Amino acid sequence: MSSFNNHLIITDSVVYKFYDNDGQIEALGTLGLSIESILEKFSNRLIEKRDISGNVITNTGVGFLLKCLIQGQCYPPFSPQYAHIAVGDSDEPERPEHNIILGLNKHYRHVDYNYPLLFETSAVFRSTFGRNHANFEWKEWSVTNGSTPIAVHLNRKVEHLGKKEPNMTWLMQVTFSFR
């Protein structure tokens, strides 16, 4: 939870871990099928659902939001065309000046079809990491507006989520709520 002018930016992340030898879950996740529909069809393949709260909003993330609000400088936006979720293997504690994924291993994955979802006071980002993506220890993640370290990393969260293996598909969902 980050405080911003007596308002709160609350971040909740959820990781759904599935066995996915045949790539069906990867395909459906990437197409933006709801997690409820995926679970209805593949509940027997769910390994774990992990809920995580909190993170740090980065200095560049705050700067981007303020430039967008005051100067209209919002490029590239955190829109379906540009938004990604990045994961890495660094366990360096998050700090506002950490404007990148710090791990030696890192992977940027475009958001799923129809994401991000925008509501009155929240935005939901989701990326599907299929069998050939990010097969390493997941210890950090961030929502970005591009697929490289020079993209704006809106946030950074550090928590060990386990090791993703090639026979797995993981869906990472990050929700920012403004209250």
Foldseek 3Di string as FASTA:
>chain_A
DDDDPNKDKKKKKKKWKFQAQPCPLVVCVQQPPDPVVVCVVPVVGTPDIDMDIDFFFAPLLVVLVVCCVPVVPQPPHCDQVFKWKKWADDQDADDNPPFFHPHPDMWTFRFHPPDFDDDPFKTKTKGKAALPGQQAWTFKMFMFRHTDRVTGTRTMDGHTPGGHHNSMMMMMMMMIGMD
